[in-house]
Amino acid sequence: MPSHSQEEEDKPCRACSDFKSWAKLQNKTKMTAPTKPYSQHKDCPLDKDELGRSTWGFLHSMASYFPEKPTKSQSADMTKFFNIFAQFYPCEPCALDFQEDISKNPPKTKSKDELAKWLCERHNTVNAKLRKPQFDCSKVHERWRDGWLDGSCD
């Protein structure tokens, strides 16, 4: 495996920074501003906000498609998934925070509804820390599986 250069090691973690923070760090390490904002390129690594939105979308969708009556094996695997996911999430502060949260609030995997509600509560915990609005957890399946009742997703 090739070794990383010192410049690569000093770069800020893209998955740990939003674009504004990342750009400030880039401007401190390089005296010239980038000609185009990093996040406007289609094939660039996700920043913390993009990664978070994509991850929450994936996790909520997965929970909404979890079996209504999972087998013991499916329940155990989903619990393992969340514990492993929390270890390897690319944003280290986010991963450590999620690990702490799920150690206090272990995954609930006895049914699709239980898992979806548990995950929504975890997401709302993060939203509260970020001073973002809380999501109505009674609407998770509308948002992530069935579409809004008003037909706006049809």
N, C-alpha and C. Protein backbone atom coordinates (compact mmCIF):
# COMPACT_ATOMS: atom_id res chain seq x y z
N MET A 1 0.85 -1.17 0.00
CA MET A 1 0.00 0.00 0.00
C MET A 1 0.90 1.23 0.00
N PRO A 2 0.61 2.20 -0.90
CA PRO A 2 1.46 3.39 -0.95
C PRO A 2 1.29 4.22 0.31
N SER A 3 2.38 4.87 0.71
CA SER A 3 2.29 5.71 1.90
C SER A 3 1.70 7.06 1.53
N HIS A 4 1.04 7.69 2.49
CA HIS A 4 0.46 9.00 2.27
C HIS A 4 1.52 10.06 2.46
N SER A 5 1.43 11.11 1.67
CA SER A 5 2.36 12.22 1.85
C SER A 5 1.94 13.03 3.07
N GLN A 6 2.85 13.87 3.58
CA GLN A 6 2.54 14.71 4.74
C GLN A 6 1.37 15.63 4.42
N GLU A 7 1.31 16.15 3.16
CA GLU A 7 0.21 17.03 2.77
C GLU A 7 -1.13 16.31 2.90
N GLU A 8 -1.21 15.03 2.46
CA GLU A 8 -2.44 14.26 2.57
C GLU A 8 -2.83 14.07 4.03
N GLU A 9 -1.85 13.83 4.89
CA GLU A 9 -2.13 13.61 6.31
C GLU A 9 -2.62 14.88 6.99
N ASP A 10 -2.21 16.05 6.52
CA ASP A 10 -2.60 17.32 7.13
C ASP A 10 -3.94 17.83 6.63
N LYS A 11 -4.48 17.24 5.57
CA LYS A 11 -5.76 17.69 5.04
C LYS A 11 -6.86 17.40 6.05
N PRO A 12 -7.83 18.30 6.15
CA PRO A 12 -8.94 18.04 7.06
C PRO A 12 -9.81 16.90 6.54
N CYS A 13 -10.45 16.22 7.45
CA CYS A 13 -11.33 15.11 7.09
C CYS A 13 -12.58 15.67 6.42
N ARG A 14 -12.79 15.37 5.16
CA ARG A 14 -13.94 15.88 4.41
C ARG A 14 -15.24 15.38 5.04
N ALA A 15 -15.27 14.13 5.49
CA ALA A 15 -16.49 13.56 6.07
C ALA A 15 -16.77 14.12 7.46
N CYS A 16 -15.82 14.84 8.03
CA CYS A 16 -16.00 15.41 9.37
C CYS A 16 -16.30 16.90 9.34
N SER A 17 -16.33 17.51 8.17
CA SER A 17 -16.49 18.95 8.07
C SER A 17 -17.62 19.31 7.12
N ASP A 18 -18.36 20.38 7.45
CA ASP A 18 -19.27 20.91 6.46
C ASP A 18 -18.44 21.74 5.48
N PHE A 19 -19.05 22.18 4.38
CA PHE A 19 -18.27 22.85 3.35
C PHE A 19 -17.62 24.13 3.85
N LYS A 20 -18.38 24.95 4.61
CA LYS A 20 -17.81 26.22 5.08
C LYS A 20 -16.60 25.99 5.97
N SER A 21 -16.70 25.04 6.89
CA SER A 21 -15.56 24.75 7.78
C SER A 21 -14.40 24.20 6.98
N TRP A 22 -14.69 23.31 6.05
CA TRP A 22 -13.65 22.72 5.22
C TRP A 22 -12.94 23.80 4.41
N ALA A 23 -13.73 24.71 3.82
CA ALA A 23 -13.14 25.77 2.99
C ALA A 23 -12.25 26.68 3.83
N LYS A 24 -12.68 26.99 5.06
CA LYS A 24 -11.85 27.82 5.95
C LYS A 24 -10.52 27.13 6.22
N LEU A 25 -10.57 25.84 6.51
CA LEU A 25 -9.34 25.09 6.77
C LEU A 25 -8.45 25.05 5.54
N GLN A 26 -9.07 24.90 4.37
CA GLN A 26 -8.29 24.88 3.13
C GLN A 26 -7.60 26.23 2.92
N ASN A 27 -8.30 27.31 3.19
CA ASN A 27 -7.74 28.64 2.99
C ASN A 27 -6.63 28.93 4.00
N LYS A 28 -6.69 28.31 5.16
CA LYS A 28 -5.61 28.50 6.15
C LYS A 28 -4.36 27.74 5.73
N THR A 29 -4.55 26.57 5.10
CA THR A 29 -3.40 25.76 4.72
C THR A 29 -2.85 26.17 3.35
N LYS A 30 -3.69 26.79 2.53
CA LYS A 30 -3.26 27.29 1.22
C LYS A 30 -3.67 28.75 1.17
N MET A 31 -2.80 29.58 0.71
CA MET A 31 -3.12 31.00 0.71
C MET A 31 -4.02 31.40 -0.46
N THR A 32 -4.28 30.49 -1.38
CA THR A 32 -5.16 30.81 -2.49
C THR A 32 -6.49 30.10 -2.31
N ALA A 33 -7.56 30.80 -2.65
CA ALA A 33 -8.89 30.21 -2.54
C ALA A 33 -9.13 29.29 -3.73
N PRO A 34 -9.90 28.24 -3.54
CA PRO A 34 -10.20 27.36 -4.68
C PRO A 34 -10.99 28.13 -5.74
N THR A 35 -10.78 27.78 -7.00
CA THR A 35 -11.47 28.49 -8.07
C THR A 35 -12.96 28.14 -8.08
N LYS A 36 -13.31 26.94 -7.73
CA LYS A 36 -14.70 26.52 -7.64
C LYS A 36 -14.91 25.88 -6.28
N PRO A 37 -16.07 26.12 -5.64
CA PRO A 37 -16.32 25.43 -4.37
C PRO A 37 -16.26 23.92 -4.55
N TYR A 38 -15.63 23.27 -3.61
CA TYR A 38 -15.41 21.83 -3.66
C TYR A 38 -16.68 21.03 -3.84
N SER A 39 -17.74 21.42 -3.12
CA SER A 39 -18.96 20.62 -3.14
C SER A 39 -19.78 20.81 -4.40
N GLN A 40 -19.41 21.76 -5.29
CA GLN A 40 -20.17 21.93 -6.52
C GLN A 40 -19.76 20.92 -7.58
N HIS A 41 -18.64 20.26 -7.40
CA HIS A 41 -18.23 19.21 -8.32
C HIS A 41 -19.08 17.98 -8.05
N LYS A 42 -19.47 17.29 -9.10
CA LYS A 42 -20.35 16.12 -8.93
C LYS A 42 -19.63 14.93 -8.33
N ASP A 43 -18.35 14.79 -8.58
CA ASP A 43 -17.65 13.58 -8.18
C ASP A 43 -16.71 13.79 -6.99
N CYS A 44 -17.02 14.75 -6.14
CA CYS A 44 -16.18 15.02 -4.99
C CYS A 44 -16.66 14.22 -3.77
N PRO A 45 -15.77 13.98 -2.82
CA PRO A 45 -16.19 13.30 -1.59
C PRO A 45 -17.29 14.11 -0.88
N LEU A 46 -18.14 13.42 -0.20
CA LEU A 46 -19.22 14.06 0.54
C LEU A 46 -18.65 14.81 1.74
N ASP A 47 -19.20 15.99 2.03
CA ASP A 47 -18.83 16.66 3.27
C ASP A 47 -19.73 16.11 4.38
N LYS A 48 -19.53 16.60 5.60
CA LYS A 48 -20.26 16.06 6.75
C LYS A 48 -21.77 16.16 6.57
N ASP A 49 -22.25 17.30 6.07
CA ASP A 49 -23.69 17.48 5.90
C ASP A 49 -24.25 16.56 4.82
N GLU A 50 -23.54 16.47 3.68
CA GLU A 50 -23.99 15.59 2.60
C GLU A 50 -23.97 14.13 3.05
N LEU A 51 -22.91 13.75 3.73
CA LEU A 51 -22.80 12.40 4.24
C LEU A 51 -23.92 12.08 5.22
N GLY A 52 -24.19 13.03 6.13
CA GLY A 52 -25.25 12.84 7.12
C GLY A 52 -26.61 12.66 6.46
N ARG A 53 -26.95 13.56 5.52
CA ARG A 53 -28.25 13.45 4.83
C ARG A 53 -28.37 12.12 4.10
N SER A 54 -27.34 11.74 3.38
CA SER A 54 -27.37 10.48 2.63
C SER A 54 -27.48 9.29 3.57
N THR A 55 -26.73 9.32 4.65
CA THR A 55 -26.73 8.21 5.60
C THR A 55 -28.09 8.08 6.28
N TRP A 56 -28.63 9.20 6.77
CA TRP A 56 -29.94 9.13 7.42
C TRP A 56 -30.99 8.62 6.44
N GLY A 57 -30.92 9.06 5.18
CA GLY A 57 -31.87 8.57 4.18
C GLY A 57 -31.78 7.07 4.01
N PHE A 58 -30.56 6.57 3.90
CA PHE A 58 -30.35 5.13 3.78
C PHE A 58 -30.86 4.38 5.01
N LEU A 59 -30.47 4.85 6.20
CA LEU A 59 -30.86 4.14 7.43
C LEU A 59 -32.37 4.15 7.64
N HIS A 60 -33.01 5.29 7.42
CA HIS A 60 -34.47 5.35 7.58
C HIS A 60 -35.17 4.47 6.55
N SER A 61 -34.67 4.47 5.33
CA SER A 61 -35.27 3.59 4.30
C SER A 61 -35.12 2.13 4.69
N MET A 62 -33.93 1.78 5.15
CA MET A 62 -33.68 0.40 5.58
C MET A 62 -34.64 0.01 6.71
N ALA A 63 -34.82 0.89 7.68
CA ALA A 63 -35.71 0.59 8.80
C ALA A 63 -37.15 0.44 8.33
N SER A 64 -37.58 1.27 7.38
CA SER A 64 -38.96 1.20 6.89
C SER A 64 -39.23 -0.04 6.03
N TYR A 65 -38.18 -0.67 5.55
CA TYR A 65 -38.33 -1.90 4.77
C TYR A 65 -37.95 -3.15 5.58
N PHE A 66 -37.63 -2.97 6.84
CA PHE A 66 -37.33 -4.10 7.72
C PHE A 66 -38.62 -4.92 7.87
N PRO A 67 -38.51 -6.24 8.05
CA PRO A 67 -39.72 -7.05 8.18
C PRO A 67 -40.58 -6.66 9.39
N GLU A 68 -41.88 -6.76 9.21
CA GLU A 68 -42.80 -6.48 10.31
C GLU A 68 -42.62 -7.50 11.43
N LYS A 69 -42.36 -8.74 11.04
CA LYS A 69 -42.09 -9.80 12.03
C LYS A 69 -40.77 -10.46 11.67
N PRO A 70 -39.66 -9.83 12.03
CA PRO A 70 -38.35 -10.40 11.67
C PRO A 70 -38.06 -11.68 12.46
N THR A 71 -37.24 -12.51 11.86
CA THR A 71 -36.78 -13.70 12.58
C THR A 71 -35.80 -13.24 13.66
N LYS A 72 -35.47 -14.14 14.58
CA LYS A 72 -34.48 -13.81 15.61
C LYS A 72 -33.15 -13.46 14.95
N SER A 73 -32.82 -14.18 13.90
CA SER A 73 -31.57 -13.92 13.18
C SER A 73 -31.58 -12.53 12.54
N GLN A 74 -32.69 -12.14 11.91
CA GLN A 74 -32.78 -10.81 11.30
C GLN A 74 -32.67 -9.71 12.35
N SER A 75 -33.33 -9.91 13.48
CA SER A 75 -33.24 -8.93 14.57
C SER A 75 -31.81 -8.81 15.08
N ALA A 76 -31.17 -9.94 15.30
CA ALA A 76 -29.79 -9.94 15.79
C ALA A 76 -28.85 -9.30 14.76
N ASP A 77 -29.06 -9.60 13.48
CA ASP A 77 -28.21 -9.03 12.43
C ASP A 77 -28.38 -7.51 12.35
N MET A 78 -29.61 -7.03 12.51
CA MET A 78 -29.83 -5.58 12.44
C MET A 78 -29.15 -4.89 13.63
N THR A 79 -29.22 -5.50 14.80
CA THR A 79 -28.52 -4.95 15.96
C THR A 79 -27.02 -4.91 15.71
N LYS A 80 -26.49 -6.00 15.17
CA LYS A 80 -25.06 -6.05 14.83
C LYS A 80 -24.71 -4.97 13.81
N PHE A 81 -25.59 -4.82 12.81
CA PHE A 81 -25.35 -3.82 11.77
C PHE A 81 -25.16 -2.44 12.40
N PHE A 82 -26.07 -2.03 13.27
CA PHE A 82 -25.96 -0.68 13.85
C PHE A 82 -24.71 -0.54 14.71
N ASN A 83 -24.34 -1.57 15.41
CA ASN A 83 -23.12 -1.50 16.23
C ASN A 83 -21.86 -1.43 15.36
N ILE A 84 -21.84 -2.19 14.29
CA ILE A 84 -20.70 -2.14 13.37
C ILE A 84 -20.68 -0.82 12.61
N PHE A 85 -21.84 -0.39 12.14
CA PHE A 85 -21.97 0.90 11.45
C PHE A 85 -21.39 2.03 12.31
N ALA A 86 -21.73 2.04 13.59
CA ALA A 86 -21.27 3.10 14.50
C ALA A 86 -19.75 3.08 14.67
N GLN A 87 -19.12 1.93 14.49
CA GLN A 87 -17.66 1.84 14.60
C GLN A 87 -16.95 2.39 13.37
N PHE A 88 -17.59 2.27 12.20
CA PHE A 88 -16.90 2.58 10.95
C PHE A 88 -17.43 3.81 10.23
N TYR A 89 -18.36 4.54 10.84
CA TYR A 89 -18.87 5.75 10.19
C TYR A 89 -17.69 6.69 9.94
N PRO A 90 -17.57 7.28 8.75
CA PRO A 90 -16.37 8.04 8.39
C PRO A 90 -16.10 9.30 9.21
N CYS A 91 -17.10 9.90 9.80
CA CYS A 91 -16.89 11.09 10.63
C CYS A 91 -16.67 10.61 12.06
N GLU A 92 -15.43 10.69 12.54
CA GLU A 92 -15.11 10.12 13.85
C GLU A 92 -15.92 10.73 15.00
N PRO A 93 -16.04 12.06 15.09
CA PRO A 93 -16.85 12.60 16.20
C PRO A 93 -18.31 12.14 16.12
N CYS A 94 -18.84 12.04 14.90
CA CYS A 94 -20.22 11.57 14.71
C CYS A 94 -20.33 10.10 15.14
N ALA A 95 -19.34 9.31 14.75
CA ALA A 95 -19.34 7.88 15.09
C ALA A 95 -19.28 7.68 16.59
N LEU A 96 -18.40 8.42 17.25
CA LEU A 96 -18.27 8.28 18.71
C LEU A 96 -19.55 8.71 19.41
N ASP A 97 -20.18 9.77 18.93
CA ASP A 97 -21.44 10.23 19.50
C ASP A 97 -22.53 9.18 19.31
N PHE A 98 -22.61 8.60 18.13
CA PHE A 98 -23.63 7.57 17.85
C PHE A 98 -23.35 6.32 18.69
N GLN A 99 -22.08 5.94 18.83
CA GLN A 99 -21.74 4.79 19.67
C GLN A 99 -22.23 5.01 21.10
N GLU A 100 -22.01 6.20 21.63
CA GLU A 100 -22.44 6.51 22.98
C GLU A 100 -23.97 6.46 23.08
N ASP A 101 -24.64 7.03 22.08
CA ASP A 101 -26.11 7.05 22.09
C ASP A 101 -26.68 5.64 22.05
N ILE A 102 -26.15 4.79 21.16
CA ILE A 102 -26.74 3.45 21.07
C ILE A 102 -26.32 2.54 22.22
N SER A 103 -25.26 2.91 22.94
CA SER A 103 -24.94 2.13 24.14
C SER A 103 -25.99 2.40 25.22
N LYS A 104 -26.52 3.63 25.25
CA LYS A 104 -27.57 3.99 26.20
C LYS A 104 -28.96 3.59 25.70
N ASN A 105 -29.12 3.55 24.38
CA ASN A 105 -30.40 3.26 23.73
C ASN A 105 -30.18 2.21 22.65
N PRO A 106 -30.03 0.95 23.05
CA PRO A 106 -29.71 -0.10 22.07
C PRO A 106 -30.79 -0.23 20.99
N PRO A 107 -30.39 -0.68 19.80
CA PRO A 107 -31.36 -0.85 18.72
C PRO A 107 -32.55 -1.72 19.14
N LYS A 108 -33.72 -1.30 18.71
CA LYS A 108 -34.96 -2.05 18.95
C LYS A 108 -35.35 -2.68 17.62
N THR A 109 -35.27 -4.00 17.58
CA THR A 109 -35.39 -4.69 16.29
C THR A 109 -36.45 -5.79 16.29
N LYS A 110 -37.47 -5.65 17.14
CA LYS A 110 -38.51 -6.69 17.18
C LYS A 110 -39.53 -6.54 16.05
N SER A 111 -39.57 -5.36 15.42
CA SER A 111 -40.49 -5.14 14.30
C SER A 111 -40.03 -3.94 13.49
N LYS A 112 -40.59 -3.81 12.29
CA LYS A 112 -40.30 -2.66 11.44
C LYS A 112 -40.67 -1.36 12.16
N ASP A 113 -41.87 -1.32 12.76
CA ASP A 113 -42.31 -0.09 13.42
C ASP A 113 -41.41 0.27 14.60
N GLU A 114 -41.01 -0.73 15.37
CA GLU A 114 -40.15 -0.49 16.53
C GLU A 114 -38.79 0.05 16.08
N LEU A 115 -38.22 -0.55 15.04
CA LEU A 115 -36.92 -0.11 14.53
C LEU A 115 -37.01 1.30 13.95
N ALA A 116 -38.06 1.56 13.17
CA ALA A 116 -38.21 2.87 12.55
C ALA A 116 -38.37 3.96 13.62
N LYS A 117 -39.13 3.68 14.66
CA LYS A 117 -39.32 4.65 15.75
C LYS A 117 -38.00 4.86 16.50
N TRP A 118 -37.31 3.77 16.81
CA TRP A 118 -36.02 3.87 17.51
C TRP A 118 -35.05 4.74 16.72
N LEU A 119 -34.95 4.49 15.41
CA LEU A 119 -34.02 5.24 14.57
C LEU A 119 -34.43 6.70 14.49
N CYS A 120 -35.72 6.96 14.38
CA CYS A 120 -36.20 8.34 14.35
C CYS A 120 -35.82 9.05 15.64
N GLU A 121 -35.95 8.38 16.75
CA GLU A 121 -35.55 8.97 18.04
C GLU A 121 -34.05 9.26 18.08
N ARG A 122 -33.25 8.36 17.53
CA ARG A 122 -31.80 8.60 17.47
C ARG A 122 -31.52 9.83 16.59
N HIS A 123 -32.21 9.92 15.46
CA HIS A 123 -32.01 11.04 14.55
C HIS A 123 -32.44 12.34 15.23
N ASN A 124 -33.55 12.31 15.95
CA ASN A 124 -34.00 13.50 16.66
C ASN A 124 -33.03 13.91 17.76
N THR A 125 -32.35 12.94 18.36
CA THR A 125 -31.31 13.25 19.35
C THR A 125 -30.20 14.07 18.69
N VAL A 126 -29.79 13.64 17.51
CA VAL A 126 -28.76 14.37 16.76
C VAL A 126 -29.30 15.74 16.34
N ASN A 127 -30.53 15.77 15.84
CA ASN A 127 -31.12 17.05 15.43
C ASN A 127 -31.15 18.04 16.59
N ALA A 128 -31.47 17.57 17.78
CA ALA A 128 -31.51 18.46 18.95
C ALA A 128 -30.12 19.04 19.22
N LYS A 129 -29.09 18.21 19.13
CA LYS A 129 -27.72 18.68 19.35
C LYS A 129 -27.30 19.70 18.31
N LEU A 130 -27.83 19.56 17.09
CA LEU A 130 -27.50 20.46 16.00
C LEU A 130 -28.47 21.64 15.90
N ARG A 131 -29.40 21.68 16.84
CA ARG A 131 -30.44 22.73 16.87
C ARG A 131 -31.27 22.73 15.59
N LYS A 132 -31.59 21.53 15.12
CA LYS A 132 -32.45 21.37 13.96
C LYS A 132 -33.83 20.94 14.44
N PRO A 133 -34.84 21.11 13.60
CA PRO A 133 -36.20 20.72 14.01
C PRO A 133 -36.31 19.21 14.26
N GLN A 134 -37.23 18.85 15.15
CA GLN A 134 -37.51 17.44 15.44
C GLN A 134 -38.47 16.92 14.37
N PHE A 135 -38.32 15.66 14.02
CA PHE A 135 -39.20 15.02 13.05
C PHE A 135 -40.30 14.28 13.79
N ASP A 136 -41.51 14.32 13.28
CA ASP A 136 -42.63 13.60 13.86
C ASP A 136 -42.46 12.11 13.55
N CYS A 137 -42.07 11.34 14.55
CA CYS A 137 -41.75 9.92 14.34
C CYS A 137 -42.96 9.08 13.94
N SER A 138 -44.15 9.60 14.05
CA SER A 138 -45.33 8.85 13.59
C SER A 138 -45.41 8.86 12.06
N LYS A 139 -44.59 9.66 11.41
CA LYS A 139 -44.63 9.79 9.95
C LYS A 139 -43.43 9.17 9.23
N VAL A 140 -42.66 8.33 9.92
CA VAL A 140 -41.44 7.80 9.30
C VAL A 140 -41.73 6.97 8.05
N HIS A 141 -42.78 6.16 8.07
CA HIS A 141 -43.05 5.32 6.89
C HIS A 141 -43.57 6.16 5.72
N GLU A 142 -44.31 7.23 6.03
CA GLU A 142 -44.71 8.15 4.95
C GLU A 142 -43.48 8.74 4.30
N ARG A 143 -42.55 9.20 5.12
CA ARG A 143 -41.35 9.87 4.61
C ARG A 143 -40.39 8.92 3.89
N TRP A 144 -40.25 7.71 4.41
CA TRP A 144 -39.18 6.84 3.93
C TRP A 144 -39.63 5.60 3.15
N ARG A 145 -40.94 5.33 3.09
CA ARG A 145 -41.38 4.14 2.35
C ARG A 145 -42.58 4.41 1.48
N ASP A 146 -43.68 4.92 2.05
CA ASP A 146 -44.95 4.97 1.34
C ASP A 146 -45.19 6.27 0.56
N GLY A 147 -44.58 7.34 0.98
CA GLY A 147 -44.84 8.66 0.39
C GLY A 147 -45.89 9.38 1.23
N TRP A 148 -45.88 10.70 1.12
CA TRP A 148 -46.79 11.53 1.91
C TRP A 148 -48.24 11.26 1.54
N LEU A 149 -49.11 11.31 2.55
CA LEU A 149 -50.54 11.05 2.35
C LEU A 149 -51.19 12.02 1.37
N ASP A 150 -50.60 13.21 1.21
CA ASP A 150 -51.20 14.19 0.28
C ASP A 150 -50.94 13.85 -1.19
N GLY A 151 -50.20 12.77 -1.45
CA GLY A 151 -49.94 12.33 -2.82
C GLY A 151 -48.80 13.08 -3.51
N SER A 152 -48.10 13.94 -2.76
CA SER A 152 -47.05 14.75 -3.40
C SER A 152 -45.87 13.92 -3.90
N CYS A 153 -45.78 12.68 -3.51
CA CYS A 153 -44.67 11.82 -3.99
C CYS A 153 -45.10 10.92 -5.16
N ASP A 154 -46.38 11.00 -5.52
CA ASP A 154 -46.88 10.12 -6.60
C ASP A 154 -46.49 10.64 -7.97
